[in-house]
């Protein structure tokens, strides 16, 4: 099969993404990806400087899909329901693509700070969650509460993938539980802000 330049790159990325879930990032090789894509062994080197560069593209795509999943799940909801939906989408993404999820956050596999596209996609994924949290607490507390929310759902997703602490069927209930915990923290933050504002006004 003859590929155009852009098509060849897309074929390589698609093949790498499929193979990733079978063997993990450590098991991928540029030559192996080329063979799976039906291309010459030299083909990957026309598109990627090295294996890490290819992994960075996969990570960027992963973050883009994660952000889209979070926004799609939470977009028409509000409050705790939106946060629960966002959390479930995050956990569900991790459970559906465990090798990709691991790659996205494993610096020893790919340092996304070295790849602007991947770093920007990671920032947008966090922004998707932050937008949900912003509806629950004062602006001054959004960053802190967002970090707490992210840490909870990411930690749970990682534990289910790596340690099998609970089956995937539990994610809906857990996401709701985590959302209520974060929302309670957000309300506390709001109460504290309001108290300080009243004291300052007095």
Protein backbone atom coordinates (compact mmCIF):
# COMPACT_ATOMS: atom_id res chain seq x y z
CA UNK A 1 0.00 0.00 0.00
CA UNK A 2 1.23 3.49 -0.89
CA UNK A 3 0.77 6.25 1.67
CA UNK A 4 0.98 9.99 1.27
CA UNK A 5 3.22 11.74 3.79
CA UNK A 6 0.41 12.79 6.17
CA UNK A 7 -1.37 9.47 5.79
CA UNK A 8 1.78 7.58 6.72
CA UNK A 9 2.16 9.57 9.93
CA UNK A 10 -1.48 8.96 10.82
CA UNK A 11 -1.10 5.26 10.09
CA UNK A 12 1.95 5.05 12.34
CA UNK A 13 0.18 6.82 15.19
CA UNK A 14 -2.89 4.61 14.84
CA UNK A 15 -0.76 1.47 14.84
CA UNK A 16 1.20 2.69 17.85
CA UNK A 17 -1.99 3.46 19.76
CA UNK A 18 -3.42 0.01 19.14
CA UNK A 19 -0.19 -1.79 19.99
CA UNK A 20 0.30 0.34 23.10
CA UNK A 21 -2.59 -1.35 24.91
CA UNK A 22 -1.15 -4.78 24.08
CA UNK A 23 2.46 -4.36 25.13
CA UNK A 24 2.70 -1.05 27.02
CA UNK A 25 4.92 1.87 26.14
CA UNK A 26 8.11 0.02 27.05
CA UNK A 27 7.28 -2.69 24.53
CA UNK A 28 6.77 -0.34 21.60
CA UNK A 29 9.47 0.14 18.99
CA UNK A 30 9.52 2.37 15.96
CA UNK A 31 10.31 -0.54 13.66
CA UNK A 32 7.56 -2.66 15.16
CA UNK A 33 5.04 0.14 14.72
CA UNK A 34 6.10 0.51 11.09
CA UNK A 35 5.54 -3.18 10.47
CA UNK A 36 2.08 -3.06 12.05
CA UNK A 37 1.22 -0.06 9.88
CA UNK A 38 2.42 -1.84 6.76
CA UNK A 39 5.23 0.64 6.18
CA UNK A 40 8.96 0.35 5.75
CA UNK A 41 11.12 0.24 8.86
CA UNK A 42 12.55 3.61 7.88
CA UNK A 43 9.15 5.29 7.69
CA UNK A 44 8.86 6.31 11.39
CA UNK A 45 12.13 8.21 11.22
CA UNK A 46 10.62 10.48 8.57
CA UNK A 47 8.05 11.65 11.14
CA UNK A 48 9.53 11.23 14.61
CA UNK A 49 12.97 12.08 15.93
CA UNK A 50 12.86 9.06 18.22
CA UNK A 51 10.52 6.80 20.16
CA UNK A 52 9.90 9.43 22.82
CA UNK A 53 8.64 11.85 20.19
CA UNK A 54 6.15 9.27 19.00
CA UNK A 55 5.05 8.58 22.57
CA UNK A 56 4.55 12.31 23.08
CA UNK A 57 2.07 12.37 20.21
CA UNK A 58 0.16 9.47 21.77
CA UNK A 59 0.17 11.26 25.13
CA UNK A 60 -1.11 14.47 23.53
CA UNK A 61 -3.94 12.58 21.86
CA UNK A 62 -4.74 10.93 25.18
CA UNK A 63 -5.04 14.27 26.95
CA UNK A 64 -7.21 15.63 24.14
CA UNK A 65 -9.57 12.66 24.44
CA UNK A 66 -9.63 12.93 28.21
CA UNK A 67 -10.52 16.63 28.07
CA UNK A 68 -13.24 15.93 25.52
CA UNK A 69 -14.68 13.13 27.67
CA UNK A 70 -14.77 15.30 30.79
CA UNK A 71 -16.43 18.20 28.97
CA UNK A 72 -18.96 15.97 27.23
CA UNK A 73 -19.95 14.29 30.48
CA UNK A 74 -20.24 17.43 32.58
CA UNK A 75 -21.24 20.06 30.02
CA UNK A 76 -25.02 20.04 30.51
CA UNK A 77 -24.91 19.43 34.27
CA UNK A 78 -24.15 21.74 37.18
CA UNK A 79 -22.82 21.55 40.72
CA UNK A 80 -22.10 18.19 42.31
CA UNK A 81 -23.74 16.33 39.41
CA UNK A 82 -21.33 17.94 36.95
CA UNK A 83 -18.34 17.11 39.13
CA UNK A 84 -19.49 13.51 39.58
CA UNK A 85 -19.95 13.12 35.83
CA UNK A 86 -16.53 14.63 35.17
CA UNK A 87 -14.94 12.31 37.71
CA UNK A 88 -16.64 9.26 36.26
CA UNK A 89 -15.54 10.22 32.76
CA UNK A 90 -11.95 10.61 34.00
CA UNK A 91 -11.96 7.23 35.75
CA UNK A 92 -13.72 5.56 32.82
CA UNK A 93 -11.12 6.87 30.39
CA UNK A 94 -8.33 5.51 32.56
CA UNK A 95 -9.96 2.11 32.87
CA UNK A 96 -10.69 1.84 29.15
CA UNK A 97 -7.14 2.72 28.06
CA UNK A 98 -4.86 1.82 30.97
CA UNK A 99 -1.61 1.76 29.00
CA UNK A 100 -2.33 5.14 27.42
CA UNK A 101 -3.34 6.58 30.78
CA UNK A 102 -0.10 5.31 32.33
CA UNK A 103 1.92 6.80 29.47
CA UNK A 104 0.29 10.21 29.84
CA UNK A 105 1.52 10.60 33.40
CA UNK A 106 4.75 8.58 33.45
CA UNK A 107 7.68 10.94 33.08
CA UNK A 108 10.14 8.09 32.72
CA UNK A 109 8.33 7.08 29.52
CA UNK A 110 7.90 10.55 28.02
CA UNK A 111 8.68 13.96 29.49
CA UNK A 112 5.81 15.99 28.08
CA UNK A 113 7.47 19.19 29.27
CA UNK A 114 9.84 18.72 26.30
CA UNK A 115 6.93 18.56 23.84
CA UNK A 116 4.79 21.74 23.68
CA UNK A 117 1.81 20.08 21.98
CA UNK A 118 1.59 17.39 24.65
CA UNK A 119 2.10 19.89 27.47
CA UNK A 120 -0.66 22.12 26.08
CA UNK A 121 -3.03 19.17 25.79
CA UNK A 122 -2.28 18.19 29.40
CA UNK A 123 -3.04 21.73 30.52
CA UNK A 124 -6.34 21.68 28.66
CA UNK A 125 -7.34 18.41 30.32
CA UNK A 126 -6.81 19.98 33.73
CA UNK A 127 -8.69 23.07 32.56
CA UNK A 128 -11.69 20.90 31.71
CA UNK A 129 -11.87 19.74 35.32
CA UNK A 130 -11.12 23.22 36.64
CA UNK A 131 -14.08 24.64 34.72
CA UNK A 132 -16.39 22.26 36.59
CA UNK A 133 -14.87 23.12 39.97
CA UNK A 134 -15.21 26.83 39.22
CA UNK A 135 -18.95 26.47 39.60
CA UNK A 136 -18.57 25.24 43.17
CA UNK A 137 -16.26 27.64 44.97
CA UNK A 138 -14.83 31.19 45.04
CA UNK A 139 -12.41 32.06 42.26
CA UNK A 140 -9.55 32.40 44.74
CA UNK A 141 -10.00 28.75 45.75
CA UNK A 142 -10.58 27.16 42.36
CA UNK A 143 -6.96 26.14 41.83
CA UNK A 144 -6.64 24.45 45.21
CA UNK A 145 -9.99 22.66 45.03
CA UNK A 146 -9.28 21.58 41.45
CA UNK A 147 -5.99 20.05 42.53
CA UNK A 148 -7.77 18.17 45.30
CA UNK A 149 -10.43 16.89 42.89
CA UNK A 150 -7.83 15.85 40.34
CA UNK A 151 -5.72 14.08 42.96
CA UNK A 152 -8.70 12.09 44.22
CA UNK A 153 -10.00 10.85 40.87
CA UNK A 154 -6.51 10.29 39.46
CA UNK A 155 -5.42 8.38 42.53
CA UNK A 156 -8.51 6.18 42.42
CA UNK A 157 -8.15 5.56 38.69
CA UNK A 158 -4.52 4.59 39.16
CA UNK A 159 -5.31 2.26 42.05
CA UNK A 160 -8.04 0.48 40.11
CA UNK A 161 -5.73 0.04 37.14
CA UNK A 162 -2.54 -0.88 38.92
CA UNK A 163 -3.78 -2.58 42.10
CA UNK A 164 -7.28 -3.70 41.11
CA UNK A 165 -8.76 -2.36 44.34
CA UNK A 166 -12.30 -2.36 42.92
CA UNK A 167 -14.04 -3.46 39.71
CA UNK A 168 -14.86 -0.85 37.05
CA UNK A 169 -18.56 -1.14 37.89
CA UNK A 170 -17.90 0.80 41.11
CA UNK A 171 -16.75 3.95 39.36
CA UNK A 172 -20.16 5.64 39.20
CA UNK A 173 -20.72 5.37 42.94
CA UNK A 174 -17.16 6.35 43.73
CA UNK A 175 -17.25 9.35 41.42
CA UNK A 176 -20.37 10.57 43.20
CA UNK A 177 -18.74 10.03 46.58
CA UNK A 178 -15.62 11.91 45.53
CA UNK A 179 -17.69 14.75 44.09
CA UNK A 180 -19.54 15.16 47.37
CA UNK A 181 -16.25 15.24 49.29
CA UNK A 182 -14.82 17.90 46.97
CA UNK A 183 -18.07 19.88 47.01
CA UNK A 184 -18.04 19.88 50.82
CA UNK A 185 -14.50 21.22 50.71
CA UNK A 186 -15.57 23.85 48.22
CA UNK A 187 -18.45 24.94 50.46
CA UNK A 188 -16.06 25.22 53.39
CA UNK A 189 -13.77 27.35 51.26
CA UNK A 190 -16.71 29.54 50.26
CA UNK A 191 -17.84 29.94 53.87
CA UNK A 192 -14.34 30.92 54.89
CA UNK A 193 -14.12 33.48 52.11
CA UNK A 194 -17.49 34.97 53.02
CA UNK A 195 -16.54 35.16 56.70
CA UNK A 196 -13.28 36.94 55.93
CA UNK A 197 -15.11 39.32 53.62
CA UNK A 198 -17.63 40.22 56.30
CA UNK A 199 -14.88 40.73 58.87
CA UNK A 200 -12.94 42.89 56.46
CA UNK A 201 -16.05 44.92 55.71
CA UNK A 202 -16.73 45.40 59.38
